[in-house]
Amino acid sequence: MKFGRIFLLLILFFLLLTPVTVLQIRAPKKEDRLVWVGRVSPGDGIETVYIHSVEKSPVHEYFRIGEKLSFHLKETTFSSCNTGLPVSTEGNERFINDRGTFRLTGMNRVLPGLSLWVHEDYGNVLKLGTRSYIDLPSLAGNTLLVMTLRRMPLVLWGFEEVKLFARKP
């Protein structure tokens, strides 16, 4: 009996003291509602994909999760090089024309968060490594979404996941 209580206390301490890094997606125009949360780790790669609203061409942005809860934009690829798409470089960045695919590579732009206007017409997708693809407009409709990184105890992340699961129809 005493061993069971000690074991339960150890599990409770583990859940309360073990920090995890999570990616949170909120819809600020919809009461700043949390619409998605998932565990990530520093060094993980994420990718945003969308159809450019003017050029109607796909854009891929490749990020790494930073140690200090930031997004590091590493590369952008696109198939058109006109209105609203990048053409200038900074520092060690390189602009590459690879037979109709343009790449801005060698980037290390550090962002504290990502704000994306998403719309079903633009195919906004978030890719987390190779494990999941998230259709962003399906989270809260055609609206602004804000992605942030946060460290929290393992148990709080679990509660956030349960609340989101319970809210789904």
C-alpha atoms as a PDB file:
ATOM      1  CA  MET A   1       0.000   0.000   0.000  1.00  0.00           C
ATOM      2  CA  LYS A   2       2.780   2.402   0.941  1.00  0.00           C
ATOM      3  CA  PHE A   3       4.682   1.529  -2.263  1.00  0.00           C
ATOM      4  CA  GLY A   4       1.565   2.387  -4.322  1.00  0.00           C
ATOM      5  CA  ARG A   5       1.314   5.859  -2.777  1.00  0.00           C
ATOM      6  CA  ILE A   6       5.001   6.552  -3.332  1.00  0.00           C
ATOM      7  CA  PHE A   7       4.705   5.367  -6.928  1.00  0.00           C
ATOM      8  CA  LEU A   8       1.648   7.608  -7.463  1.00  0.00           C
ATOM      9  CA  LEU A   9       3.517  10.598  -5.989  1.00  0.00           C
ATOM     10  CA  LEU A  10       6.489   9.939  -8.263  1.00  0.00           C
ATOM     11  CA  ILE A  11       4.221   9.843 -11.315  1.00  0.00           C
ATOM     12  CA  LEU A  12       2.524  13.072 -10.204  1.00  0.00           C
ATOM     13  CA  PHE A  13       5.893  14.813  -9.735  1.00  0.00           C
ATOM     14  CA  PHE A  14       7.009  13.555 -13.145  1.00  0.00           C
ATOM     15  CA  LEU A  15       3.882  14.954 -14.814  1.00  0.00           C
ATOM     16  CA  LEU A  16       4.160  18.300 -13.028  1.00  0.00           C
ATOM     17  CA  LEU A  17       7.907  18.790 -13.371  1.00  0.00           C
ATOM     18  CA  THR A  18       8.641  17.465 -16.854  1.00  0.00           C
ATOM     19  CA  PRO A  19       8.609  20.406 -19.271  1.00  0.00           C
ATOM     20  CA  VAL A  20       7.620  19.940 -22.913  1.00  0.00           C
ATOM     21  CA  THR A  21       7.726  22.335 -25.844  1.00  0.00           C
ATOM     22  CA  VAL A  22       4.413  22.759 -27.608  1.00  0.00           C
ATOM     23  CA  LEU A  23       3.261  24.527 -30.730  1.00  0.00           C
ATOM     24  CA  GLN A  24      -0.005  26.367 -30.144  1.00  0.00           C
ATOM     25  CA  ILE A  25      -2.258  27.730 -32.867  1.00  0.00           C
ATOM     26  CA  ARG A  26      -4.789  30.380 -31.893  1.00  0.00           C
ATOM     27  CA  ALA A  27      -7.504  32.227 -33.809  1.00  0.00           C
ATOM     28  CA  PRO A  28      -7.264  35.819 -32.485  1.00  0.00           C
ATOM     29  CA  LYS A  29     -10.273  37.035 -34.504  1.00  0.00           C
ATOM     30  CA  LYS A  30     -12.351  34.296 -32.875  1.00  0.00           C
ATOM     31  CA  GLU A  31     -11.948  35.144 -29.189  1.00  0.00           C
ATOM     32  CA  ASP A  32      -8.254  34.160 -29.312  1.00  0.00           C
ATOM     33  CA  ARG A  33      -9.450  30.570 -29.170  1.00  0.00           C
ATOM     34  CA  LEU A  34      -6.863  27.803 -29.035  1.00  0.00           C
ATOM     35  CA  VAL A  35      -7.565  25.658 -32.111  1.00  0.00           C
ATOM     36  CA  TRP A  36      -4.597  23.278 -32.122  1.00  0.00           C
ATOM     37  CA  VAL A  37      -1.771  22.235 -29.824  1.00  0.00           C
ATOM     38  CA  GLY A  38       0.943  19.661 -30.338  1.00  0.00           C
ATOM     39  CA  ARG A  39       4.281  18.667 -28.936  1.00  0.00           C
ATOM     40  CA  VAL A  40       7.429  19.697 -30.807  1.00  0.00           C
ATOM     41  CA  SER A  41      11.110  19.717 -29.936  1.00  0.00           C
ATOM     42  CA  PRO A  42      13.913  22.165 -30.618  1.00  0.00           C
ATOM     43  CA  GLY A  43      15.487  21.238 -33.941  1.00  0.00           C
ATOM     44  CA  ASP A  44      12.237  19.872 -35.404  1.00  0.00           C
ATOM     45  CA  GLY A  45      11.400  20.988 -38.910  1.00  0.00           C
ATOM     46  CA  ILE A  46       8.060  22.463 -39.887  1.00  0.00           C
ATOM     47  CA  GLU A  47       6.817  23.661 -43.253  1.00  0.00           C
ATOM     48  CA  THR A  48       4.054  26.037 -44.271  1.00  0.00           C
ATOM     49  CA  VAL A  49       2.517  25.604 -47.716  1.00  0.00           C
ATOM     50  CA  TYR A  50       0.061  27.905 -49.470  1.00  0.00           C
ATOM     51  CA  ILE A  51      -0.998  29.146 -52.884  1.00  0.00           C
ATOM     52  CA  HIS A  52       0.190  32.745 -53.384  1.00  0.00           C
ATOM     53  CA  SER A  53      -2.890  34.977 -53.643  1.00  0.00           C
ATOM     54  CA  VAL A  54      -1.642  37.041 -56.610  1.00  0.00           C
ATOM     55  CA  GLU A  55       0.656  34.684 -58.516  1.00  0.00           C
ATOM     56  CA  LYS A  56      -1.489  31.583 -57.856  1.00  0.00           C
ATOM     57  CA  SER A  57       1.658  29.516 -57.418  1.00  0.00           C
ATOM     58  CA  PRO A  58       2.634  27.272 -54.477  1.00  0.00           C
ATOM     59  CA  VAL A  59       4.975  28.636 -51.823  1.00  0.00           C
ATOM     60  CA  HIS A  60       6.817  26.437 -49.315  1.00  0.00           C
ATOM     61  CA  GLU A  61       8.504  27.922 -46.241  1.00  0.00           C
ATOM     62  CA  TYR A  62      10.830  25.696 -44.209  1.00  0.00           C
ATOM     63  CA  PHE A  63      11.423  26.413 -40.522  1.00  0.00           C
ATOM     64  CA  ARG A  64      13.331  24.875 -37.616  1.00  0.00           C
ATOM     65  CA  ILE A  65      12.161  25.118 -34.015  1.00  0.00           C
ATOM     66  CA  GLY A  66      14.756  27.088 -32.055  1.00  0.00           C
ATOM     67  CA  GLU A  67      16.017  26.425 -28.540  1.00  0.00           C
ATOM     68  CA  LYS A  68      14.635  29.756 -27.345  1.00  0.00           C
ATOM     69  CA  LEU A  69      11.020  29.192 -28.424  1.00  0.00           C
ATOM     70  CA  SER A  70      11.418  30.764 -31.851  1.00  0.00           C
ATOM     71  CA  PHE A  71      10.894  29.840 -35.473  1.00  0.00           C
ATOM     72  CA  HIS A  72      13.964  29.923 -37.723  1.00  0.00           C
ATOM     73  CA  LEU A  73      13.063  30.416 -41.386  1.00  0.00           C
ATOM     74  CA  LYS A  74      15.679  28.437 -43.320  1.00  0.00           C
ATOM     75  CA  GLU A  75      14.395  28.361 -46.911  1.00  0.00           C
ATOM     76  CA  THR A  76      11.538  29.450 -49.155  1.00  0.00           C
ATOM     77  CA  THR A  77      10.694  27.815 -52.484  1.00  0.00           C
ATOM     78  CA  PHE A  78       8.239  28.990 -55.125  1.00  0.00           C
ATOM     79  CA  SER A  79       7.568  28.591 -58.849  1.00  0.00           C
ATOM     80  CA  SER A  80       6.962  32.218 -59.819  1.00  0.00           C
ATOM     81  CA  CYS A  81       9.100  35.262 -59.244  1.00  0.00           C
ATOM     82  CA  ASN A  82       6.769  38.239 -59.412  1.00  0.00           C
ATOM     83  CA  THR A  83       4.458  40.294 -57.222  1.00  0.00           C
ATOM     84  CA  GLY A  84       4.931  39.742 -53.499  1.00  0.00           C
ATOM     85  CA  LEU A  85       7.423  36.897 -53.746  1.00  0.00           C
ATOM     86  CA  PRO A  86      10.990  37.303 -52.458  1.00  0.00           C
ATOM     87  CA  VAL A  87      13.853  38.179 -54.796  1.00  0.00           C
ATOM     88  CA  SER A  88      16.334  39.945 -52.516  1.00  0.00           C
ATOM     89  CA  THR A  89      18.786  38.292 -50.161  1.00  0.00           C
ATOM     90  CA  GLU A  90      20.415  39.272 -46.884  1.00  0.00           C
ATOM     91  CA  GLY A  91      23.792  38.198 -45.487  1.00  0.00           C
ATOM     92  CA  ASN A  92      24.706  34.637 -46.561  1.00  0.00           C
ATOM     93  CA  GLU A  93      21.393  33.944 -48.277  1.00  0.00           C
ATOM     94  CA  ARG A  94      21.342  32.793 -51.886  1.00  0.00           C
ATOM     95  CA  PHE A  95      18.693  33.157 -54.561  1.00  0.00           C
ATOM     96  CA  ILE A  96      18.686  30.088 -56.833  1.00  0.00           C
ATOM     97  CA  ASN A  97      16.782  29.582 -60.091  1.00  0.00           C
ATOM     98  CA  ASP A  98      16.594  25.824 -60.548  1.00  0.00           C
ATOM     99  CA  ARG A  99      14.727  25.241 -63.837  1.00  0.00           C
ATOM    100  CA  GLY A 100      11.511  27.012 -62.929  1.00  0.00           C
ATOM    101  CA  THR A 101      11.721  26.516 -59.183  1.00  0.00           C
ATOM    102  CA  PHE A 102      13.089  29.461 -57.254  1.00  0.00           C
ATOM    103  CA  ARG A 103      14.725  29.025 -53.878  1.00  0.00           C
ATOM    104  CA  LEU A 104      15.828  31.513 -51.298  1.00  0.00           C
ATOM    105  CA  THR A 105      18.215  29.441 -49.202  1.00  0.00           C
ATOM    106  CA  GLY A 106      20.850  29.921 -46.507  1.00  0.00           C
ATOM    107  CA  MET A 107      18.334  31.871 -44.482  1.00  0.00           C
ATOM    108  CA  ASN A 108      18.253  32.146 -40.710  1.00  0.00           C
ATOM    109  CA  ARG A 109      15.505  34.633 -40.041  1.00  0.00           C
ATOM    110  CA  VAL A 110      14.366  34.275 -36.429  1.00  0.00           C
ATOM    111  CA  LEU A 111      10.693  34.889 -35.706  1.00  0.00           C
ATOM    112  CA  PRO A 112       9.024  34.794 -32.274  1.00  0.00           C
ATOM    113  CA  GLY A 113       5.762  33.599 -33.829  1.00  0.00           C
ATOM    114  CA  LEU A 114       4.003  33.066 -37.136  1.00  0.00           C
ATOM    115  CA  SER A 115       0.872  34.937 -38.178  1.00  0.00           C
ATOM    116  CA  LEU A 116      -0.888  33.504 -41.213  1.00  0.00           C
ATOM    117  CA  TRP A 117      -4.095  34.543 -42.948  1.00  0.00           C
ATOM    118  CA  VAL A 118      -5.546  31.230 -44.030  1.00  0.00           C
ATOM    119  CA  HIS A 119      -8.263  30.561 -46.579  1.00  0.00           C
ATOM    120  CA  GLU A 120      -9.612  27.382 -48.113  1.00  0.00           C
ATOM    121  CA  ASP A 121      -8.885  28.790 -51.601  1.00  0.00           C
ATOM    122  CA  TYR A 122      -5.155  29.006 -50.825  1.00  0.00           C
ATOM    123  CA  GLY A 123      -4.609  25.478 -49.530  1.00  0.00           C
ATOM    124  CA  ASN A 124      -2.847  26.538 -46.324  1.00  0.00           C
ATOM    125  CA  VAL A 125      -1.153  23.507 -44.797  1.00  0.00           C
ATOM    126  CA  LEU A 126       1.221  23.086 -41.880  1.00  0.00           C
ATOM    127  CA  LYS A 127       3.550  20.089 -42.080  1.00  0.00           C
ATOM    128  CA  LEU A 128       5.221  18.879 -38.892  1.00  0.00           C
ATOM    129  CA  GLY A 129       8.195  16.831 -40.047  1.00  0.00           C
ATOM    130  CA  THR A 130       6.856  13.794 -41.849  1.00  0.00           C
ATOM    131  CA  ARG A 131       4.302  12.851 -39.220  1.00  0.00           C
ATOM    132  CA  SER A 132       1.369  15.170 -39.797  1.00  0.00           C
ATOM    133  CA  TYR A 133      -0.269  17.557 -42.212  1.00  0.00           C
ATOM    134  CA  ILE A 134      -2.696  20.080 -40.792  1.00  0.00           C
ATOM    135  CA  ASP A 135      -5.253  21.726 -43.067  1.00  0.00           C
ATOM    136  CA  LEU A 136      -5.127  25.158 -41.417  1.00  0.00           C
ATOM    137  CA  PRO A 137      -8.508  26.560 -42.616  1.00  0.00           C
ATOM    138  CA  SER A 138     -10.224  23.501 -41.130  1.00  0.00           C
ATOM    139  CA  LEU A 139      -9.150  24.626 -37.646  1.00  0.00           C
ATOM    140  CA  ALA A 140     -11.154  27.875 -37.491  1.00  0.00           C
ATOM    141  CA  GLY A 141     -12.272  28.756 -41.017  1.00  0.00           C
ATOM    142  CA  ASN A 142     -10.911  31.510 -43.230  1.00  0.00           C
ATOM    143  CA  THR A 143      -9.203  33.721 -40.669  1.00  0.00           C
ATOM    144  CA  LEU A 144      -5.950  34.838 -39.081  1.00  0.00           C
ATOM    145  CA  LEU A 145      -4.063  32.130 -37.193  1.00  0.00           C
ATOM    146  CA  VAL A 146      -1.154  32.802 -34.846  1.00  0.00           C
ATOM    147  CA  MET A 147       1.398  30.106 -34.044  1.00  0.00           C
ATOM    148  CA  THR A 148       3.557  30.328 -30.951  1.00  0.00           C
ATOM    149  CA  LEU A 149       5.906  28.047 -29.071  1.00  0.00           C
ATOM    150  CA  ARG A 150       5.630  27.533 -25.338  1.00  0.00           C
ATOM    151  CA  ARG A 151       7.151  25.372 -22.620  1.00  0.00           C
ATOM    152  CA  MET A 152       4.724  23.879 -20.138  1.00  0.00           C
ATOM    153  CA  PRO A 153       4.505  20.937 -17.764  1.00  0.00           C
ATOM    154  CA  LEU A 154       3.608  17.652 -19.430  1.00  0.00           C
ATOM    155  CA  VAL A 155       0.319  17.464 -17.507  1.00  0.00           C
ATOM    156  CA  LEU A 156      -0.829  20.916 -18.730  1.00  0.00           C
ATOM    157  CA  TRP A 157      -0.146  19.925 -22.336  1.00  0.00           C
ATOM    158  CA  GLY A 158      -2.268  16.844 -21.715  1.00  0.00           C
ATOM    159  CA  PHE A 159      -5.129  18.983 -20.367  1.00  0.00           C
ATOM    160  CA  GLU A 160      -4.939  21.275 -23.439  1.00  0.00           C
ATOM    161  CA  GLU A 161      -5.160  18.245 -25.732  1.00  0.00           C
ATOM    162  CA  VAL A 162      -8.141  16.841 -23.823  1.00  0.00           C
ATOM    163  CA  LYS A 163      -9.990  20.205 -23.915  1.00  0.00           C
ATOM    164  CA  LEU A 164      -9.503  20.461 -27.690  1.00  0.00           C
ATOM    165  CA  PHE A 165     -10.609  16.864 -28.195  1.00  0.00           C
ATOM    166  CA  ALA A 166     -13.723  17.419 -26.067  1.00  0.00           C
ATOM    167  CA  ARG A 167     -14.652  20.543 -28.072  1.00  0.00           C
ATOM    168  CA  LYS A 168     -14.642  18.736 -31.444  1.00  0.00           C
ATOM    169  CA  PRO A 169     -18.094  17.886 -32.824  1.00  0.00           C
END
